[in-house]
Amino acid sequence: MGSAVDVQHDLAAHESSARRLRYFLPAIPTGLIQTPEYMRQVMTRTSVSAVGVNEYVIAQKLERQAVLDDLDKRFEFLLTESAIRWQLCDTAVMARQIEHLVALSHRPNVALRVLPLSVRVSEVPFNTFTVYDATMTTLEVFTGRVVLRDAAGVQHYGQLFDYFAEHACVDDAARELLGDWVAGL
């Protein structure tokens, strides 16, 4: 079924072995925190969608979401305002997606951070990346993923995540922003 399926298997393996997972999401929420409707609309409207594979990949992404129930793991999702508010889907789907983020933020092993566009930062959020513990970082690019395992590279992205996290809203402040954005839809 191709590389999209292989990516899902690789991600599931990384997610199951790591204890602390930090996701920096400047353009779109990761599949772990997408609703099925959001996932379906995004996957069928992008240039990278694979005819005949989408439904299988969606099923794999939804299956991967079970990892969020593992309370021995710590998930940190840092989304920019653009990643949350970019209208990639119908309004009702967007509203449910944002409400889903609010619900996830109440989980004891999940920290959801929101970086508003109004916050001044000196770093540039070039691309999506995930830091798995302190051992590996994956970078998402249009044509695939780059995997870093060297200590200096992983440390760099860990520090970059921490920098953006310092400037982001979390807990009630993040939920308030999300609630305002849902109301605006």
C-alpha atoms as a PDB file:
ATOM      1  CA  MET A   1       0.000   0.000   0.000  1.00  0.00           C
ATOM      2  CA  GLY A   2       2.958   2.290  -0.126  1.00  0.00           C
ATOM      3  CA  SER A   3       4.934   4.728   1.958  1.00  0.00           C
ATOM      4  CA  ALA A   4       1.984   6.417   3.704  1.00  0.00           C
ATOM      5  CA  VAL A   5       1.238   3.108   5.389  1.00  0.00           C
ATOM      6  CA  ASP A   6       4.901   2.580   6.277  1.00  0.00           C
ATOM      7  CA  VAL A   7       5.010   6.023   7.877  1.00  0.00           C
ATOM      8  CA  GLN A   8       2.060   5.104  10.114  1.00  0.00           C
ATOM      9  CA  HIS A   9       3.824   1.931  11.254  1.00  0.00           C
ATOM     10  CA  ASP A  10       7.053   3.846  11.940  1.00  0.00           C
ATOM     11  CA  LEU A  11       5.220   6.529  13.907  1.00  0.00           C
ATOM     12  CA  ALA A  12       3.367   3.918  15.970  1.00  0.00           C
ATOM     13  CA  ALA A  13       6.688   2.276  16.850  1.00  0.00           C
ATOM     14  CA  HIS A  14       8.258   5.593  17.886  1.00  0.00           C
ATOM     15  CA  GLU A  15       5.199   6.543  19.926  1.00  0.00           C
ATOM     16  CA  SER A  16       5.072   3.222  21.732  1.00  0.00           C
ATOM     17  CA  SER A  17       8.743   3.270  22.731  1.00  0.00           C
ATOM     18  CA  ALA A  18       9.047   6.919  23.838  1.00  0.00           C
ATOM     19  CA  ARG A  19       8.004   8.192  27.258  1.00  0.00           C
ATOM     20  CA  ARG A  20       8.052  11.941  26.542  1.00  0.00           C
ATOM     21  CA  LEU A  21       6.808  13.128  23.185  1.00  0.00           C
ATOM     22  CA  ARG A  22       6.937  16.792  22.194  1.00  0.00           C
ATOM     23  CA  TYR A  23       5.129  17.869  19.018  1.00  0.00           C
ATOM     24  CA  PHE A  24       5.705  21.294  17.466  1.00  0.00           C
ATOM     25  CA  LEU A  25       2.875  21.932  15.017  1.00  0.00           C
ATOM     26  CA  PRO A  26       3.034  25.225  13.092  1.00  0.00           C
ATOM     27  CA  ALA A  27       0.694  24.272  10.221  1.00  0.00           C
ATOM     28  CA  ILE A  28      -1.716  21.481  11.187  1.00  0.00           C
ATOM     29  CA  PRO A  29      -2.533  19.311  14.207  1.00  0.00           C
ATOM     30  CA  THR A  30      -0.828  15.921  14.136  1.00  0.00           C
ATOM     31  CA  GLY A  31      -2.938  12.833  13.446  1.00  0.00           C
ATOM     32  CA  LEU A  32      -2.781  11.870  17.128  1.00  0.00           C
ATOM     33  CA  ILE A  33      -5.028  14.803  17.990  1.00  0.00           C
ATOM     34  CA  GLN A  34      -7.245  15.035  14.913  1.00  0.00           C
ATOM     35  CA  THR A  35     -10.910  14.089  14.874  1.00  0.00           C
ATOM     36  CA  PRO A  36     -11.847  11.513  12.208  1.00  0.00           C
ATOM     37  CA  GLU A  37     -13.829  14.119  10.248  1.00  0.00           C
ATOM     38  CA  TYR A  38     -10.965  16.619  10.263  1.00  0.00           C
ATOM     39  CA  MET A  39      -8.504  13.904   9.277  1.00  0.00           C
ATOM     40  CA  ARG A  40     -10.702  12.732   6.409  1.00  0.00           C
ATOM     41  CA  GLN A  41     -11.256  16.223   5.004  1.00  0.00           C
ATOM     42  CA  VAL A  42      -7.590  17.170   5.253  1.00  0.00           C
ATOM     43  CA  MET A  43      -6.353  13.926   3.718  1.00  0.00           C
ATOM     44  CA  THR A  44      -8.744  14.053   0.775  1.00  0.00           C
ATOM     45  CA  ARG A  45      -7.999  17.692  -0.050  1.00  0.00           C
ATOM     46  CA  THR A  46      -4.215  17.766  -0.004  1.00  0.00           C
ATOM     47  CA  SER A  47      -1.757  17.258  -2.832  1.00  0.00           C
ATOM     48  CA  VAL A  48      -0.181  14.313  -0.993  1.00  0.00           C
ATOM     49  CA  SER A  49      -3.385  12.279  -0.658  1.00  0.00           C
ATOM     50  CA  ALA A  50      -3.081   8.783  -2.071  1.00  0.00           C
ATOM     51  CA  VAL A  51      -6.146   7.449  -3.808  1.00  0.00           C
ATOM     52  CA  GLY A  52      -7.164   4.089  -2.375  1.00  0.00           C
ATOM     53  CA  VAL A  53      -4.856   4.386   0.604  1.00  0.00           C
ATOM     54  CA  ASN A  54      -6.533   7.241   2.484  1.00  0.00           C
ATOM     55  CA  GLU A  55      -9.127   5.141   4.316  1.00  0.00           C
ATOM     56  CA  TYR A  56      -6.499   2.649   5.449  1.00  0.00           C
ATOM     57  CA  VAL A  57      -4.156   5.420   6.602  1.00  0.00           C
ATOM     58  CA  ILE A  58      -7.031   7.135   8.438  1.00  0.00           C
ATOM     59  CA  ALA A  59      -7.802   3.870  10.216  1.00  0.00           C
ATOM     60  CA  GLN A  60      -4.130   3.521  11.175  1.00  0.00           C
ATOM     61  CA  LYS A  61      -3.985   7.099  12.485  1.00  0.00           C
ATOM     62  CA  LEU A  62      -7.120   6.561  14.559  1.00  0.00           C
ATOM     63  CA  GLU A  63      -5.692   3.309  15.927  1.00  0.00           C
ATOM     64  CA  ARG A  64      -2.483   5.149  16.893  1.00  0.00           C
ATOM     65  CA  GLN A  65      -4.532   7.556  19.031  1.00  0.00           C
ATOM     66  CA  ALA A  66      -4.900   4.795  21.663  1.00  0.00           C
ATOM     67  CA  VAL A  67      -1.352   5.622  22.755  1.00  0.00           C
ATOM     68  CA  LEU A  68      -2.778   8.767  24.381  1.00  0.00           C
ATOM     69  CA  ASP A  69      -4.404   6.497  26.992  1.00  0.00           C
ATOM     70  CA  ASP A  70      -0.993   5.393  28.289  1.00  0.00           C
ATOM     71  CA  LEU A  71      -0.613   7.448  31.468  1.00  0.00           C
ATOM     72  CA  ASP A  72       3.078   6.496  31.704  1.00  0.00           C
ATOM     73  CA  LYS A  73       3.689   8.716  28.697  1.00  0.00           C
ATOM     74  CA  ARG A  74       3.813  12.514  28.623  1.00  0.00           C
ATOM     75  CA  PHE A  75       2.512  14.243  25.485  1.00  0.00           C
ATOM     76  CA  GLU A  76       3.195  17.905  24.791  1.00  0.00           C
ATOM     77  CA  PHE A  77       1.449  19.403  21.777  1.00  0.00           C
ATOM     78  CA  LEU A  78       2.463  22.934  20.849  1.00  0.00           C
ATOM     79  CA  LEU A  79       0.287  24.351  18.092  1.00  0.00           C
ATOM     80  CA  THR A  80       0.530  27.752  16.498  1.00  0.00           C
ATOM     81  CA  GLU A  81      -2.652  29.755  16.045  1.00  0.00           C
ATOM     82  CA  SER A  82      -2.321  29.130  12.313  1.00  0.00           C
ATOM     83  CA  ALA A  83      -2.300  25.353  12.838  1.00  0.00           C
ATOM     84  CA  ILE A  84      -5.555  25.591  14.754  1.00  0.00           C
ATOM     85  CA  ARG A  85      -7.433  28.261  12.842  1.00  0.00           C
ATOM     86  CA  TRP A  86      -6.388  27.618   9.247  1.00  0.00           C
ATOM     87  CA  GLN A  87      -9.711  26.742   7.632  1.00  0.00           C
ATOM     88  CA  LEU A  88      -8.759  23.503   5.926  1.00  0.00           C
ATOM     89  CA  CYS A  89     -12.227  22.034   6.554  1.00  0.00           C
ATOM     90  CA  ASP A  90     -15.885  22.929   6.763  1.00  0.00           C
ATOM     91  CA  THR A  91     -16.779  25.232   9.664  1.00  0.00           C
ATOM     92  CA  ALA A  92     -18.579  22.513  11.659  1.00  0.00           C
ATOM     93  CA  VAL A  93     -15.583  20.178  11.308  1.00  0.00           C
ATOM     94  CA  MET A  94     -13.212  22.959  12.373  1.00  0.00           C
ATOM     95  CA  ALA A  95     -15.349  23.674  15.451  1.00  0.00           C
ATOM     96  CA  ARG A  96     -15.388  19.988  16.461  1.00  0.00           C
ATOM     97  CA  GLN A  97     -11.633  19.774  15.952  1.00  0.00           C
ATOM     98  CA  ILE A  98     -10.997  22.741  18.236  1.00  0.00           C
ATOM     99  CA  GLU A  99     -13.419  21.368  20.842  1.00  0.00           C
ATOM    100  CA  HIS A 100     -11.534  18.071  20.635  1.00  0.00           C
ATOM    101  CA  LEU A 101      -8.294  19.915  21.428  1.00  0.00           C
ATOM    102  CA  VAL A 102      -9.939  21.431  24.500  1.00  0.00           C
ATOM    103  CA  ALA A 103     -11.057  17.966  25.652  1.00  0.00           C
ATOM    104  CA  LEU A 104      -7.557  16.564  25.140  1.00  0.00           C
ATOM    105  CA  SER A 105      -6.056  19.386  27.183  1.00  0.00           C
ATOM    106  CA  HIS A 106      -7.831  18.018  30.259  1.00  0.00           C
ATOM    107  CA  ARG A 107      -6.044  14.664  30.096  1.00  0.00           C
ATOM    108  CA  PRO A 108      -3.503  14.207  32.904  1.00  0.00           C
ATOM    109  CA  ASN A 109      -0.712  13.157  30.535  1.00  0.00           C
ATOM    110  CA  VAL A 110      -1.308  15.821  27.886  1.00  0.00           C
ATOM    111  CA  ALA A 111      -0.077  19.406  27.824  1.00  0.00           C
ATOM    112  CA  LEU A 112      -1.617  21.437  25.035  1.00  0.00           C
ATOM    113  CA  ARG A 113       0.084  24.741  24.291  1.00  0.00           C
ATOM    114  CA  VAL A 114      -1.087  27.405  21.871  1.00  0.00           C
ATOM    115  CA  LEU A 115       1.242  29.981  20.360  1.00  0.00           C
ATOM    116  CA  PRO A 116      -0.884  32.981  19.280  1.00  0.00           C
ATOM    117  CA  LEU A 117       0.105  35.013  16.248  1.00  0.00           C
ATOM    118  CA  SER A 118       0.202  38.098  18.458  1.00  0.00           C
ATOM    119  CA  VAL A 119       3.146  36.775  20.498  1.00  0.00           C
ATOM    120  CA  ARG A 120       6.501  38.086  19.364  1.00  0.00           C
ATOM    121  CA  VAL A 121       9.125  35.376  18.945  1.00  0.00           C
ATOM    122  CA  SER A 122      12.651  35.623  17.613  1.00  0.00           C
ATOM    123  CA  GLU A 123      12.808  32.087  16.224  1.00  0.00           C
ATOM    124  CA  VAL A 124      11.063  31.139  12.990  1.00  0.00           C
ATOM    125  CA  PRO A 125       8.688  28.146  13.132  1.00  0.00           C
ATOM    126  CA  PHE A 126       9.844  26.610   9.862  1.00  0.00           C
ATOM    127  CA  ASN A 127       8.371  23.137  10.053  1.00  0.00           C
ATOM    128  CA  THR A 128       6.640  20.479  12.094  1.00  0.00           C
ATOM    129  CA  PHE A 129       8.884  18.397  14.313  1.00  0.00           C
ATOM    130  CA  THR A 130       8.569  15.821  17.071  1.00  0.00           C
ATOM    131  CA  VAL A 131      11.098  15.157  19.812  1.00  0.00           C
ATOM    132  CA  TYR A 132      10.952  11.608  21.208  1.00  0.00           C
ATOM    133  CA  ASP A 133      12.504  11.576  24.686  1.00  0.00           C
ATOM    134  CA  ALA A 134      16.003  12.935  24.157  1.00  0.00           C
ATOM    135  CA  THR A 135      16.978  10.316  21.599  1.00  0.00           C
ATOM    136  CA  MET A 136      15.344  11.183  18.292  1.00  0.00           C
ATOM    137  CA  THR A 137      13.670  14.010  16.403  1.00  0.00           C
ATOM    138  CA  THR A 138      11.592  13.745  13.249  1.00  0.00           C
ATOM    139  CA  LEU A 139      11.047  16.706  10.946  1.00  0.00           C
ATOM    140  CA  GLU A 140       8.045  16.744   8.602  1.00  0.00           C
ATOM    141  CA  VAL A 141       8.649  18.152   5.138  1.00  0.00           C
ATOM    142  CA  PHE A 142       6.490  18.078   2.008  1.00  0.00           C
ATOM    143  CA  THR A 143       8.228  15.055   0.551  1.00  0.00           C
ATOM    144  CA  GLY A 144       8.621  12.984   3.708  1.00  0.00           C
ATOM    145  CA  ARG A 145      10.388  12.930   7.043  1.00  0.00           C
ATOM    146  CA  VAL A 146      13.909  13.609   8.203  1.00  0.00           C
ATOM    147  CA  VAL A 147      15.025  11.572  11.206  1.00  0.00           C
ATOM    148  CA  LEU A 148      17.722  12.944  13.500  1.00  0.00           C
ATOM    149  CA  ARG A 149      19.397  10.683  16.037  1.00  0.00           C
ATOM    150  CA  ASP A 150      22.590  12.612  16.696  1.00  0.00           C
ATOM    151  CA  ALA A 151      22.656  14.138  20.183  1.00  0.00           C
ATOM    152  CA  ALA A 152      23.357  17.689  18.975  1.00  0.00           C
ATOM    153  CA  GLY A 153      20.474  17.678  16.485  1.00  0.00           C
ATOM    154  CA  VAL A 154      17.989  16.208  18.965  1.00  0.00           C
ATOM    155  CA  GLN A 155      19.111  18.664  21.650  1.00  0.00           C
ATOM    156  CA  HIS A 156      18.713  21.587  19.236  1.00  0.00           C
ATOM    157  CA  TYR A 157      15.086  20.702  18.537  1.00  0.00           C
ATOM    158  CA  GLY A 158      14.406  20.075  22.222  1.00  0.00           C
ATOM    159  CA  GLN A 159      15.671  23.582  22.971  1.00  0.00           C
ATOM    160  CA  LEU A 160      13.659  25.016  20.093  1.00  0.00           C
ATOM    161  CA  PHE A 161      10.526  23.332  21.445  1.00  0.00           C
ATOM    162  CA  ASP A 162      11.239  24.742  24.913  1.00  0.00           C
ATOM    163  CA  TYR A 163      11.715  28.221  23.448  1.00  0.00           C
ATOM    164  CA  PHE A 164       8.317  28.204  21.744  1.00  0.00           C
ATOM    165  CA  ALA A 165       6.698  26.569  24.803  1.00  0.00           C
ATOM    166  CA  GLU A 166       7.883  29.490  26.969  1.00  0.00           C
ATOM    167  CA  HIS A 167       5.930  31.863  24.709  1.00  0.00           C
ATOM    168  CA  ALA A 168       2.787  29.761  24.372  1.00  0.00           C
ATOM    169  CA  CYS A 169      -0.437  29.700  26.369  1.00  0.00           C
ATOM    170  CA  VAL A 170      -1.206  26.535  28.327  1.00  0.00           C
ATOM    171  CA  ASP A 171      -4.022  25.110  30.460  1.00  0.00           C
ATOM    172  CA  ASP A 172      -6.852  27.597  31.099  1.00  0.00           C
ATOM    173  CA  ALA A 173      -5.246  30.330  28.986  1.00  0.00           C
ATOM    174  CA  ALA A 174      -4.998  27.967  26.005  1.00  0.00           C
ATOM    175  CA  ARG A 175      -8.534  26.669  26.545  1.00  0.00           C
ATOM    176  CA  GLU A 176      -9.843  30.253  26.658  1.00  0.00           C
ATOM    177  CA  LEU A 177      -8.218  31.036  23.304  1.00  0.00           C
ATOM    178  CA  LEU A 178      -9.599  27.838  21.808  1.00  0.00           C
ATOM    179  CA  GLY A 179     -13.073  28.649  23.136  1.00  0.00           C
ATOM    180  CA  ASP A 180     -12.912  32.122  21.599  1.00  0.00           C
ATOM    181  CA  TRP A 181     -11.915  30.654  18.252  1.00  0.00           C
ATOM    182  CA  VAL A 182     -14.752  28.127  18.289  1.00  0.00           C
ATOM    183  CA  ALA A 183     -17.192  30.934  19.112  1.00  0.00           C
ATOM    184  CA  GLY A 184     -15.781  32.904  16.174  1.00  0.00           C
ATOM    185  CA  LEU A 185     -16.657  30.115  13.777  1.00  0.00           C
END
